N, C-alpha and C. Protein backbone atom coordinates (compact mmCIF):
# COMPACT_ATOMS: atom_id res chain seq x y z
N MET A 1 84.89 109.36 108.39
CA MET A 1 85.51 108.23 107.77
C MET A 1 84.97 108.20 106.42
N ALA A 2 85.90 108.07 105.34
CA ALA A 2 85.48 108.08 104.08
C ALA A 2 85.65 106.51 103.45
N GLY A 3 84.98 106.38 102.33
CA GLY A 3 85.26 104.93 101.79
C GLY A 3 86.35 104.82 100.70
N TYR A 4 87.47 105.62 100.93
CA TYR A 4 88.64 105.71 100.16
C TYR A 4 89.63 104.90 100.76
N VAL A 5 90.35 103.96 100.10
CA VAL A 5 91.37 103.12 100.53
C VAL A 5 92.71 103.57 100.00
N HIS A 6 93.63 104.10 100.71
CA HIS A 6 94.95 104.35 100.44
C HIS A 6 95.73 103.12 99.85
N ALA A 7 96.55 103.79 98.96
CA ALA A 7 97.36 102.67 98.16
C ALA A 7 98.45 102.32 99.29
N GLN A 8 98.74 101.02 99.41
CA GLN A 8 99.55 100.49 100.33
C GLN A 8 100.37 99.33 99.68
N LYS A 9 101.57 99.16 100.12
CA LYS A 9 102.38 98.20 99.54
C LYS A 9 102.01 96.68 99.80
N SER A 10 101.73 96.53 101.17
CA SER A 10 101.30 95.21 101.59
C SER A 10 99.95 95.36 102.53
N LEU A 11 99.46 94.09 102.83
CA LEU A 11 98.13 94.16 103.22
C LEU A 11 98.23 93.06 104.42
N ASP A 12 97.38 93.34 105.47
CA ASP A 12 97.33 92.46 106.50
C ASP A 12 96.02 91.41 106.25
N VAL A 13 96.36 90.02 106.26
CA VAL A 13 95.26 89.13 105.84
C VAL A 13 95.40 87.95 106.82
N ILE A 14 94.28 87.56 107.29
CA ILE A 14 94.08 86.40 108.07
C ILE A 14 93.63 85.39 107.12
N CYS A 15 94.32 84.22 106.96
CA CYS A 15 93.89 83.32 106.05
C CYS A 15 94.05 81.81 106.45
N GLN A 16 93.28 80.94 105.74
CA GLN A 16 93.40 79.49 106.26
C GLN A 16 94.10 78.76 105.07
N HIS A 17 95.18 78.12 105.25
CA HIS A 17 95.90 77.37 104.32
C HIS A 17 95.47 75.84 104.62
N LYS A 18 95.00 75.29 103.64
CA LYS A 18 94.28 73.84 103.67
C LYS A 18 95.30 72.84 103.36
N GLN A 19 95.04 71.68 103.75
CA GLN A 19 95.80 70.56 103.56
C GLN A 19 96.26 70.32 101.98
N ASN A 20 95.26 70.63 101.05
CA ASN A 20 95.45 70.30 99.81
C ASN A 20 96.28 71.52 98.95
N GLY A 21 96.56 72.70 99.80
CA GLY A 21 97.31 73.71 99.29
C GLY A 21 96.46 74.87 99.02
N ASP A 22 95.15 74.80 99.10
CA ASP A 22 94.34 76.16 98.87
C ASP A 22 94.40 77.00 100.03
N ILE A 23 94.21 78.23 99.55
CA ILE A 23 94.45 79.34 100.35
C ILE A 23 93.03 80.07 100.70
N ILE A 24 92.52 80.29 101.92
CA ILE A 24 91.26 80.94 101.89
C ILE A 24 91.52 82.07 102.65
N PRO A 25 91.23 83.36 102.05
CA PRO A 25 91.25 84.66 102.66
C PRO A 25 89.91 84.76 103.71
N LEU A 26 90.35 85.05 105.02
CA LEU A 26 89.12 85.24 106.10
C LEU A 26 88.82 86.79 106.45
N LYS A 27 89.88 87.18 106.59
CA LYS A 27 89.83 88.65 107.06
C LYS A 27 90.93 89.62 106.60
N ILE A 28 90.64 90.73 106.23
CA ILE A 28 91.47 91.72 105.72
C ILE A 28 91.41 93.11 106.58
N ARG A 29 92.59 93.76 106.69
CA ARG A 29 92.78 94.88 107.13
C ARG A 29 93.40 96.01 106.40
N LEU A 30 92.68 97.03 106.14
CA LEU A 30 92.97 98.11 105.19
C LEU A 30 93.19 99.46 106.05
N GLN A 31 94.10 100.30 105.48
CA GLN A 31 94.31 101.63 105.92
C GLN A 31 93.33 102.57 105.28
N ASP A 32 92.59 103.42 105.91
CA ASP A 32 91.54 104.53 105.39
C ASP A 32 92.56 105.77 105.16
N GLU A 33 91.62 106.86 104.55
CA GLU A 33 92.31 107.94 104.21
C GLU A 33 93.00 108.88 105.46
N ASP A 34 92.50 108.49 106.63
CA ASP A 34 93.02 109.05 107.83
C ASP A 34 94.18 108.33 108.35
N GLY A 35 94.54 107.21 107.79
CA GLY A 35 95.68 106.47 108.29
C GLY A 35 95.22 105.46 109.31
N GLU A 36 94.09 105.38 109.59
CA GLU A 36 93.64 104.24 110.66
C GLU A 36 93.30 102.95 109.90
N TYR A 37 93.49 101.98 110.66
CA TYR A 37 93.43 100.50 110.02
C TYR A 37 91.78 100.13 110.20
N GLN A 38 91.34 99.60 109.27
CA GLN A 38 89.87 99.09 109.33
C GLN A 38 89.99 97.54 109.01
N ALA A 39 89.34 96.84 109.77
CA ALA A 39 89.28 95.26 109.57
C ALA A 39 87.91 94.93 108.89
N TYR A 40 88.03 94.11 108.02
CA TYR A 40 86.75 93.56 107.28
C TYR A 40 86.78 92.16 107.28
N THR A 41 85.62 91.56 107.42
CA THR A 41 85.62 90.02 107.31
C THR A 41 85.17 89.78 105.83
N VAL A 42 86.01 88.75 105.41
CA VAL A 42 85.47 88.38 103.96
C VAL A 42 84.43 87.54 103.88
N LYS A 43 83.42 88.05 103.22
CA LYS A 43 81.96 87.32 103.09
C LYS A 43 81.99 86.18 102.06
N ALA A 44 82.61 86.66 100.88
CA ALA A 44 82.75 85.53 99.86
C ALA A 44 84.06 85.83 99.13
N TYR A 45 84.63 84.96 98.43
CA TYR A 45 85.78 85.11 97.75
C TYR A 45 85.83 84.21 96.43
N ARG A 46 86.74 84.52 95.47
CA ARG A 46 86.78 83.75 94.21
C ARG A 46 88.32 83.98 93.81
N CYS A 47 88.92 82.79 93.49
CA CYS A 47 90.31 82.55 93.20
C CYS A 47 90.22 83.12 91.76
N THR A 48 90.89 84.12 91.22
CA THR A 48 90.65 84.51 89.69
C THR A 48 91.59 83.94 88.73
N ASN A 49 92.82 83.48 89.17
CA ASN A 49 93.84 83.09 88.31
C ASN A 49 94.20 81.51 88.37
N LEU A 50 93.37 80.82 89.03
CA LEU A 50 93.77 79.31 89.08
C LEU A 50 92.39 78.51 89.00
N ASN A 51 92.62 77.22 88.40
CA ASN A 51 91.51 76.33 88.03
C ASN A 51 91.11 75.68 89.35
N LYS A 52 91.92 74.77 90.01
CA LYS A 52 91.39 73.92 91.05
C LYS A 52 92.37 74.14 92.36
N THR A 53 93.59 73.63 92.29
CA THR A 53 94.42 73.86 93.42
C THR A 53 95.62 74.71 93.25
N ILE A 54 96.06 75.22 94.37
CA ILE A 54 97.40 75.95 94.14
C ILE A 54 98.63 75.33 94.16
N ASN A 55 99.47 75.69 93.05
CA ASN A 55 100.67 75.08 93.12
C ASN A 55 101.78 76.06 92.93
N PRO A 56 102.57 76.45 93.98
CA PRO A 56 103.42 77.51 94.10
C PRO A 56 104.68 77.36 93.17
N GLN A 57 104.91 76.07 92.73
CA GLN A 57 106.10 75.92 91.81
C GLN A 57 105.58 76.34 90.41
N ARG A 58 104.29 76.26 90.08
CA ARG A 58 103.81 76.84 88.66
C ARG A 58 103.32 78.21 88.70
N GLN A 59 102.79 78.78 89.68
CA GLN A 59 102.30 80.17 89.87
C GLN A 59 103.03 80.65 91.04
N SER A 60 103.59 81.84 90.71
CA SER A 60 104.26 82.62 91.72
C SER A 60 103.19 83.49 92.63
N VAL A 61 102.04 83.95 91.94
CA VAL A 61 101.11 84.68 92.71
C VAL A 61 99.87 84.13 92.40
N VAL A 62 99.00 84.35 93.42
CA VAL A 62 97.62 83.92 93.35
C VAL A 62 96.70 85.16 93.68
N THR A 63 95.71 85.35 92.85
CA THR A 63 94.81 86.52 93.22
C THR A 63 93.41 86.15 93.29
N PHE A 64 92.73 87.04 94.30
CA PHE A 64 91.49 86.80 94.67
C PHE A 64 90.60 88.07 94.59
N GLU A 65 89.20 87.86 94.25
CA GLU A 65 88.32 88.82 94.59
C GLU A 65 87.63 88.46 95.77
N CYS A 66 87.49 89.55 96.71
CA CYS A 66 86.85 89.40 97.99
C CYS A 66 85.71 90.17 98.21
N LYS A 67 84.62 89.72 98.74
CA LYS A 67 83.55 90.63 98.95
C LYS A 67 83.52 90.96 100.48
N ILE A 68 83.48 92.20 100.65
CA ILE A 68 83.38 92.74 102.16
C ILE A 68 82.30 93.54 102.26
N THR A 69 81.97 93.81 103.56
CA THR A 69 80.94 94.96 103.93
C THR A 69 81.60 96.20 104.48
N ALA A 70 81.38 97.13 104.08
CA ALA A 70 82.03 98.55 104.43
C ALA A 70 81.03 99.46 104.42
N PHE A 71 80.84 100.32 105.56
CA PHE A 71 79.90 101.42 105.50
C PHE A 71 78.49 101.05 105.08
N GLY A 72 78.07 99.80 105.57
CA GLY A 72 76.75 99.42 105.27
C GLY A 72 76.52 98.91 103.77
N ARG A 73 77.51 98.64 103.08
CA ARG A 73 77.35 98.38 101.66
C ARG A 73 78.33 97.26 101.23
N GLU A 74 77.99 96.21 100.38
CA GLU A 74 78.95 95.28 99.87
C GLU A 74 79.98 95.93 98.91
N HIS A 75 81.18 95.51 98.98
CA HIS A 75 82.29 95.88 97.83
C HIS A 75 83.03 94.62 97.54
N VAL A 76 83.66 94.92 96.58
CA VAL A 76 84.52 93.77 96.03
C VAL A 76 85.99 94.45 95.94
N ILE A 77 86.99 93.64 96.50
CA ILE A 77 88.32 94.18 96.52
C ILE A 77 89.32 92.95 95.95
N GLY A 78 90.06 93.38 95.16
CA GLY A 78 90.95 92.52 94.61
C GLY A 78 92.34 92.43 95.40
N ILE A 79 92.74 91.31 95.71
CA ILE A 79 94.04 91.08 96.61
C ILE A 79 94.72 89.96 95.96
N SER A 80 96.08 89.91 96.08
CA SER A 80 97.06 88.81 95.64
C SER A 80 97.89 88.43 96.72
N TYR A 81 98.42 87.42 96.60
CA TYR A 81 99.50 86.72 97.54
C TYR A 81 100.60 86.23 96.67
N SER A 82 101.94 86.58 97.01
CA SER A 82 103.07 86.34 96.40
C SER A 82 103.66 85.30 97.25
N PHE A 83 103.85 84.06 96.54
CA PHE A 83 104.71 82.97 97.20
C PHE A 83 106.15 83.35 97.39
N ALA A 84 106.78 84.14 96.51
CA ALA A 84 108.20 84.33 96.47
C ALA A 84 108.41 85.25 97.79
N ASP A 85 107.83 86.35 98.02
CA ASP A 85 108.03 87.20 99.17
C ASP A 85 106.97 86.90 100.37
N GLY A 86 105.90 86.29 100.20
CA GLY A 86 104.83 85.93 101.31
C GLY A 86 104.16 87.15 101.68
N LEU A 87 104.01 88.17 100.58
CA LEU A 87 103.09 89.38 101.08
C LEU A 87 101.83 89.41 100.22
N TRP A 88 100.94 89.89 100.94
CA TRP A 88 99.49 90.18 100.39
C TRP A 88 99.53 91.64 99.85
N LYS A 89 98.87 91.76 98.68
CA LYS A 89 98.82 93.04 98.24
C LYS A 89 97.41 93.42 97.72
N VAL A 90 97.01 94.77 97.71
CA VAL A 90 95.74 95.32 97.15
C VAL A 90 95.96 95.44 95.76
N LEU A 91 95.05 94.85 94.88
CA LEU A 91 95.06 94.98 93.59
C LEU A 91 94.22 96.10 92.94
N GLY A 92 92.95 96.12 93.74
CA GLY A 92 91.85 97.30 93.28
C GLY A 92 90.72 97.05 94.19
N THR A 93 90.10 98.02 94.11
CA THR A 93 88.66 98.10 95.07
C THR A 93 87.62 98.79 94.33
N ARG A 94 86.63 98.56 94.64
CA ARG A 94 85.27 98.94 93.90
C ARG A 94 84.42 99.74 95.20
N PHE A 95 84.94 100.70 95.87
CA PHE A 95 84.26 101.20 96.72
C PHE A 95 83.28 102.28 96.41
């Protein structure tokens, strides 16, 4: 099993939607080079395009940098959520 992540159109994410509109990514599932899905718990995250709270009327996409542990090492993965189509997408990985 290698540390390469295939480009995929959408991403499986378990997240928490808070009362004030914030979104917290908790767990993500990526497909590896063998086509198998690997689940990762988000250890830390940072919203990269918002200041305080999420406002879907003003911003159609929210982006995050998430820290995950894979293959015994910590990695940062960029993900985004689109309010228009309700899809999570991978922006980039540093594996």
